Protein backbone atom coordinates (compact mmCIF):
# COMPACT_ATOMS: atom_id res chain seq x y z
CA MET A 1 0.21 -0.05 0.30
CA THR A 2 0.97 3.41 -0.81
CA PRO A 3 1.64 5.54 2.10
CA ARG A 4 -0.17 8.86 1.90
CA PRO A 5 1.44 11.82 -0.11
CA GLU A 6 2.75 14.14 2.64
CA VAL A 7 0.74 17.05 1.61
CA PHE A 8 -2.13 15.10 3.39
CA LYS A 9 -0.36 14.07 6.17
CA GLY A 10 -2.67 14.59 9.08
CA VAL A 11 -5.44 16.17 7.23
CA LEU A 12 -7.33 13.09 6.35
CA THR A 13 -8.87 11.98 9.28
CA ARG A 14 -12.22 10.58 10.32
CA ASP A 15 -12.52 13.88 11.90
CA PHE A 16 -12.29 15.99 8.64
CA ALA A 17 -14.31 13.68 6.61
CA ARG A 18 -16.96 13.74 9.96
CA HIS A 19 -16.83 17.37 9.39
CA TYR A 20 -16.83 17.76 5.87
CA ALA A 21 -19.90 15.17 5.52
CA GLU A 22 -21.64 17.37 8.13
CA MET A 23 -20.95 20.33 6.17
CA ALA A 24 -22.11 19.09 3.01
CA ILE A 25 -25.95 17.85 4.95
CA VAL A 26 -26.23 21.33 5.84
CA MET A 27 -26.07 22.53 2.81
CA LEU A 28 -28.04 20.23 1.58
CA VAL A 29 -31.18 20.98 4.33
CA GLY A 30 -30.26 24.51 3.52
CA MET A 31 -31.45 23.94 0.24
CA GLY A 32 -34.29 22.22 1.32
CA VAL A 33 -35.59 24.62 3.58
CA LEU A 34 -34.57 27.88 2.02
CA ALA A 35 -35.65 26.92 -1.80
CA VAL A 36 -39.53 27.95 -1.72
CA PRO A 37 -38.77 31.20 0.79
CA ALA A 38 -35.58 31.97 -1.53
CA ARG A 39 -37.28 31.80 -4.90
CA LEU A 40 -40.08 33.87 -3.41
CA ALA A 41 -38.11 36.59 -2.26
CA SER A 42 -36.34 36.86 -5.60
CA GLY A 43 -39.22 37.25 -7.54
CA ALA A 44 -40.53 40.04 -4.85
CA LEU A 45 -37.27 41.52 -4.81
CA LEU A 46 -36.43 41.61 -8.01
CA PRO A 47 -39.98 41.11 -10.43
CA SER A 48 -38.11 42.10 -13.45
CA LEU A 49 -36.37 38.92 -13.49
CA ASP A 50 -37.50 35.64 -14.73
CA PRO A 51 -37.58 33.30 -11.48
CA ASP A 52 -36.37 30.12 -13.58
CA ASP A 53 -33.35 32.44 -15.15
CA PRO A 54 -30.31 29.84 -14.63
CA SER A 55 -28.11 32.97 -13.31
CA LEU A 56 -30.62 33.99 -11.00
CA MET A 57 -31.33 30.32 -9.91
CA LEU A 58 -27.42 29.22 -9.76
CA ALA A 59 -26.91 32.32 -7.39
CA ARG A 60 -30.25 31.59 -5.36
CA MET A 61 -28.46 28.15 -4.69
CA ALA A 62 -24.96 29.09 -3.49
CA VAL A 63 -26.37 31.28 -1.11
CA ILE A 64 -29.38 28.87 0.43
CA MET A 65 -26.18 26.30 0.58
CA THR A 66 -23.77 29.05 2.17
CA VAL A 67 -26.03 30.73 4.81
CA PRO A 68 -26.78 27.67 6.74
CA MET A 69 -22.94 26.61 6.72
CA ILE A 70 -22.34 29.77 8.86
CA PRO A 71 -24.28 29.40 12.18
CA TRP A 72 -23.34 25.77 11.88
CA MET A 73 -19.70 26.48 11.93
CA ARG A 74 -20.07 28.90 14.25
CA TRP A 75 -21.79 26.47 16.69
CA ARG A 76 -19.02 24.44 16.15
CA GLY A 77 -16.65 26.62 17.63
CA HIS A 78 -14.77 28.04 14.32
CA ALA A 79 -13.59 31.69 14.39
CA TRP A 80 -14.77 34.01 11.49
CA ALA A 81 -11.99 33.66 9.18
CA PRO A 82 -12.46 29.81 8.17
CA CYS A 83 -16.25 30.78 8.11
CA LEU A 84 -15.55 33.55 5.45
CA GLU A 85 -13.58 31.34 3.84
CA MET A 86 -15.80 28.78 3.29
CA ALA A 87 -18.71 31.12 2.38
CA ALA A 88 -16.11 32.13 -0.58
CA ALA A 89 -15.56 28.88 -1.28
CA MET A 90 -18.96 28.03 -1.86
CA LEU A 91 -19.67 31.58 -3.37
CA VAL A 92 -16.30 31.90 -5.48
CA PRO A 93 -17.21 28.99 -7.78
CA ALA A 94 -20.86 29.71 -8.14
CA ALA A 95 -19.73 33.36 -9.55
CA GLY A 96 -17.63 30.95 -12.10
CA VAL A 97 -20.74 28.97 -13.43
CA ILE A 98 -22.41 32.21 -13.45
CA ALA A 99 -20.34 34.03 -15.56
CA LEU A 100 -20.43 30.54 -18.30
CA VAL A 101 -23.67 31.57 -18.21
CA GLN A 102 -23.67 34.91 -18.92
CA ALA A 103 -20.56 34.80 -21.94
CA GLY A 104 -23.56 32.06 -23.13
CA LEU A 105 -20.59 29.46 -23.22
CA VAL A 106 -22.93 26.64 -21.75
CA GLU A 107 -26.64 26.77 -21.45
CA SER A 108 -27.63 23.20 -20.17
CA VAL A 109 -29.12 23.64 -16.40
CA ALA A 110 -28.02 20.47 -15.42
CA ILE A 111 -23.95 20.97 -16.73
CA LEU A 112 -24.27 24.35 -14.96
CA MET A 113 -25.49 22.68 -11.58
CA THR A 114 -23.18 19.51 -12.05
CA ALA A 115 -20.15 22.19 -12.63
CA GLU A 116 -21.02 24.54 -9.83
CA HIS A 117 -21.91 21.87 -6.95
CA GLY A 118 -18.10 19.75 -8.00
CA ALA A 119 -16.21 23.36 -8.03
CA MET A 120 -17.94 24.19 -4.70
CA PHE A 121 -17.36 20.48 -3.23
CA ALA A 122 -13.48 20.83 -4.72
CA ALA A 123 -13.19 24.36 -3.45
CA MET A 124 -14.53 23.43 0.25
CA PHE A 125 -12.05 20.56 0.30
CA VAL A 126 -8.69 22.93 -0.52
CA ALA A 127 -10.21 25.07 2.26
CA MET A 128 -10.42 22.70 4.63
CA ALA A 129 -6.97 21.44 3.95
CA ALA A 130 -5.52 24.86 4.17
CA ARG A 131 -6.21 24.40 7.74
CA PRO A 132 -5.94 21.10 9.09
CA ARG A 133 -5.77 21.17 12.58
CA GLU A 134 -9.08 23.19 12.26
CA TYR A 135 -11.06 20.68 10.69
CA SER A 136 -8.86 17.55 12.30
CA HIS A 137 -7.89 15.98 15.39
CA CYS A 138 -10.83 17.22 17.86
CA PRO A 139 -12.25 15.82 20.77
CA THR A 140 -15.79 15.73 21.39
CA GLY A 141 -16.16 18.86 23.86
CA ARG A 142 -15.91 22.27 22.20
CA ASP A 143 -13.53 23.93 24.94
CA ALA A 144 -10.85 21.31 24.78
CA CYS A 145 -10.62 21.50 20.83
CA PRO A 146 -7.26 22.38 19.79
CA ARG A 147 -7.84 23.39 16.60
CA MET A 148 -9.14 26.80 17.19
CA GLU A 149 -7.04 29.29 16.17
CA ASP A 150 -8.19 32.83 17.93
CA GLU A 151 -8.90 33.24 21.43
CA HIS A 152 -13.10 33.72 21.22
CA ARG A 153 -13.31 29.94 20.45
CA GLY A 154 -16.28 29.15 22.57
CA GLU A 155 -17.95 32.62 21.45
CA VAL A 156 -21.06 31.45 19.54
CA ALA A 157 -23.01 34.72 18.93
CA LEU A 158 -23.51 35.49 15.50
């Protein structure tokens, strides 16, 4: 069996995988719970736009997946910097896919959604791998967690 590359040493742990899965679940729940309210809100705020417009739909999807992730991460004890990095990992790929739509390069909504989600999950992994202590090796209690990098790790306020 080949040893893991040095770059992944200490990153690919069960805690890391669990955290990644938790965030994916929170994102999916966010999509399920917030999809209809977000569609209604975007229709009310932007009545001149077609609610089925691919760019609007992709942007709305990125936001409704990101919004619940930030409170979840804060509840898990993460500082603001990792939360904002993770939000960027969600929103930047969405902006890139929306650029493909606006440039007229891709019209298939299925391809666009697949590209958006694939890029988001890859960007999430990169953001997490950049802070391996933040997402790995954490005991059950938040107060005992060595991964937090700021002095306010017990702070939960949003």
